[in-house]
Structures are given as C-alpha cells and as structure tokens.
C-alpha atoms as a PDB file:
ATOM      1  CA  MET A   1      -2.562 -16.209  -5.867  1.00  0.00           C
ATOM      2  CA  ALA A   2      -0.557 -13.764  -7.935  1.00  0.00           C
ATOM      3  CA  LEU A   3       2.064 -13.537  -5.201  1.00  0.00           C
ATOM      4  CA  THR A   4       2.708 -17.288  -5.073  1.00  0.00           C
ATOM      5  CA  GLU A   5       2.248 -18.363  -8.696  1.00  0.00           C
ATOM      6  CA  GLY A   6       5.845 -17.589  -9.596  1.00  0.00           C
ATOM      7  CA  LEU A   7       7.084 -19.532  -6.597  1.00  0.00           C
ATOM      8  CA  GLY A   8       5.042 -22.565  -7.627  1.00  0.00           C
ATOM      9  CA  LYS A   9       6.447 -22.475 -11.144  1.00  0.00           C
ATOM     10  CA  ALA A  10       9.989 -22.088  -9.829  1.00  0.00           C
ATOM     11  CA  TYR A  11       9.495 -25.086  -7.539  1.00  0.00           C
ATOM     12  CA  VAL A  12       8.171 -27.191 -10.429  1.00  0.00           C
ATOM     13  CA  ILE A  13      11.206 -26.259 -12.515  1.00  0.00           C
ATOM     14  CA  LEU A  14      13.512 -27.064  -9.593  1.00  0.00           C
ATOM     15  CA  VAL A  15      11.954 -30.467  -8.857  1.00  0.00           C
ATOM     16  CA  GLY A  16      10.966 -31.514 -12.372  1.00  0.00           C
ATOM     17  CA  ASN A  17      12.972 -33.291 -15.025  1.00  0.00           C
ATOM     18  CA  LYS A  18      15.506 -30.889 -16.525  1.00  0.00           C
ATOM     19  CA  THR A  19      14.980 -32.162 -20.076  1.00  0.00           C
ATOM     20  CA  GLN A  20      11.183 -31.733 -19.902  1.00  0.00           C
ATOM     21  CA  ILE A  21      10.682 -28.401 -18.163  1.00  0.00           C
ATOM     22  CA  ILE A  22       7.849 -27.267 -20.434  1.00  0.00           C
ATOM     23  CA  THR A  23       5.999 -30.565 -19.957  1.00  0.00           C
ATOM     24  CA  SER A  24       6.384 -30.240 -16.191  1.00  0.00           C
ATOM     25  CA  LEU A  25       4.967 -26.721 -16.266  1.00  0.00           C
ATOM     26  CA  GLY A  26       2.075 -27.855 -18.463  1.00  0.00           C
ATOM     27  CA  ILE A  27       1.166 -30.668 -16.079  1.00  0.00           C
ATOM     28  CA  TYR A  28       1.416 -28.248 -13.164  1.00  0.00           C
ATOM     29  CA  GLN A  29      -0.934 -25.764 -14.864  1.00  0.00           C
ATOM     30  CA  MET A  30      -3.372 -28.542 -15.787  1.00  0.00           C
ATOM     31  CA  ALA A  31      -3.442 -29.865 -12.213  1.00  0.00           C
ATOM     32  CA  THR A  32      -3.904 -26.343 -10.866  1.00  0.00           C
ATOM     33  CA  GLY A  33      -6.817 -25.703 -13.238  1.00  0.00           C
ATOM     34  CA  ILE A  34      -8.539 -28.979 -12.366  1.00  0.00           C
ATOM     35  CA  CYS A  35      -8.109 -28.338  -8.644  1.00  0.00           C
ATOM     36  CA  ASN A  36      -9.483 -24.791  -9.014  1.00  0.00           C
ATOM     37  CA  PHE A  37     -12.528 -26.121 -10.854  1.00  0.00           C
ATOM     38  CA  PHE A  38     -13.332 -28.711  -8.199  1.00  0.00           C
ATOM     39  CA  ALA A  39     -12.630 -26.253  -5.370  1.00  0.00           C
ATOM     40  CA  SER A  40     -15.147 -23.817  -6.842  1.00  0.00           C
ATOM     41  CA  LEU A  41     -17.658 -26.600  -7.407  1.00  0.00           C
ATOM     42  CA  ILE A  42     -17.365 -27.972  -3.869  1.00  0.00           C
ATOM     43  CA  GLY A  43     -17.426 -24.484  -2.344  1.00  0.00           C
ATOM     44  CA  GLY A  44     -20.540 -23.605  -4.313  1.00  0.00           C
ATOM     45  CA  LEU A  45     -22.279 -26.816  -3.313  1.00  0.00           C
ATOM     46  CA  PHE A  46     -21.442 -26.272   0.361  1.00  0.00           C
ATOM     47  CA  GLY A  47     -22.615 -22.664   0.190  1.00  0.00           C
ATOM     48  CA  THR A  48     -25.832 -23.516  -1.597  1.00  0.00           C
ATOM     49  CA  TYR A  49     -26.969 -26.711   0.082  1.00  0.00           C
ATOM     50  CA  ILE A  50     -25.363 -26.807   3.541  1.00  0.00           C
ATOM     51  CA  ASN A  51     -23.958 -23.589   4.987  1.00  0.00           C
ATOM     52  CA  PRO A  52     -21.404 -21.066   3.658  1.00  0.00           C
ATOM     53  CA  SER A  53     -19.269 -21.443   6.795  1.00  0.00           C
ATOM     54  CA  VAL A  54     -18.769 -25.149   6.025  1.00  0.00           C
ATOM     55  CA  SER A  55     -16.897 -24.092   2.912  1.00  0.00           C
ATOM     56  CA  PHE A  56     -14.291 -22.239   4.993  1.00  0.00           C
ATOM     57  CA  ILE A  57     -13.914 -25.143   7.411  1.00  0.00           C
ATOM     58  CA  PHE A  58     -13.429 -27.526   4.492  1.00  0.00           C
ATOM     59  CA  CYS A  59     -10.835 -25.211   2.907  1.00  0.00           C
ATOM     60  CA  SER A  60      -8.844 -24.954   6.132  1.00  0.00           C
ATOM     61  CA  PHE A  61      -8.886 -28.740   6.513  1.00  0.00           C
ATOM     62  CA  MET A  62      -7.650 -29.174   2.922  1.00  0.00           C
ATOM     63  CA  ALA A  63      -4.933 -26.562   3.492  1.00  0.00           C
ATOM     64  CA  LEU A  64      -3.665 -28.540   6.490  1.00  0.00           C
ATOM     65  CA  ILE A  65      -3.561 -31.685   4.371  1.00  0.00           C
ATOM     66  CA  ALA A  66      -1.659 -29.791   1.646  1.00  0.00           C
ATOM     67  CA  ILE A  67       0.910 -28.525   4.155  1.00  0.00           C
ATOM     68  CA  PHE A  68       1.372 -32.021   5.555  1.00  0.00           C
ATOM     69  CA  LEU A  69       1.811 -33.512   2.056  1.00  0.00           C
ATOM     70  CA  PHE A  70       4.249 -30.781   1.065  1.00  0.00           C
ATOM     71  CA  ILE A  71       6.422 -31.472   4.099  1.00  0.00           C
ATOM     72  CA  ILE A  72       6.372 -35.239   3.553  1.00  0.00           C
ATOM     73  CA  LEU A  73       6.956 -35.079  -0.201  1.00  0.00           C
ATOM     74  CA  SER A  74       9.706 -32.467   0.079  1.00  0.00           C
ATOM     75  CA  LYS A  75      11.640 -34.906   2.274  1.00  0.00           C
ATOM     76  CA  ILE A  76      11.150 -37.712  -0.254  1.00  0.00           C
ATOM     77  CA  ILE A  77      11.882 -35.623  -3.377  1.00  0.00           C
ATOM     78  CA  LYS A  78      15.062 -33.678  -2.784  1.00  0.00           C
ATOM     79  CA  PRO A  79      15.744 -31.316  -5.684  1.00  0.00           C
ATOM     80  CA  GLU A  80      19.249 -30.749  -6.917  1.00  0.00           C
ATOM     81  CA  ILE A  81      20.080 -27.105  -6.458  1.00  0.00           C
ATOM     82  CA  SER A  82      22.718 -25.969  -8.900  1.00  0.00           C
ATOM     83  CA  LYS A  83      25.220 -23.490  -7.525  1.00  0.00           C
END
C-alpha cells in the first residue's frame, strides 16, 4: 500500500477540481478509510464463519471489479494534463 498511495493521491489531484484539491484529497482519504474498514470486517467475517480461503476469492473478485471500473471511468473522465 505504501508503494501505491502516492500514485492514488497524484491521480486524485490530476482528476479532481483544481480549485478544491484539498477537499478532493480529503474525500479520497475518507473513502479509502471506509473501504478499508469494511474490507477488514468482511474478511474477518468470512474467516471466522465460513472459510479463510473465501476471503481471498472475494478479494480477487472485488479487485477484478475495481480494474473494470477504473478502465471504464478513466475513459469517461479524461483529466487535463498540463504540459
């Protein structure tokens, strides 16, 4: 996570509103924190009540959905890259 956190922040700054960069970063951090909480909760529930391997299958499925959404949304939202 430490390797990609800077890239995520740079992408938020690139895509976000230029007059509200700090607000964009705050919303990004809030969404990341909420997603981390629910990921830990769901992973713990799967590991405790079903099977620990189900947690890894669920994570890989969610990663595929995230990749698909990133590709689709990056075509819809085209950031302006200043030269």
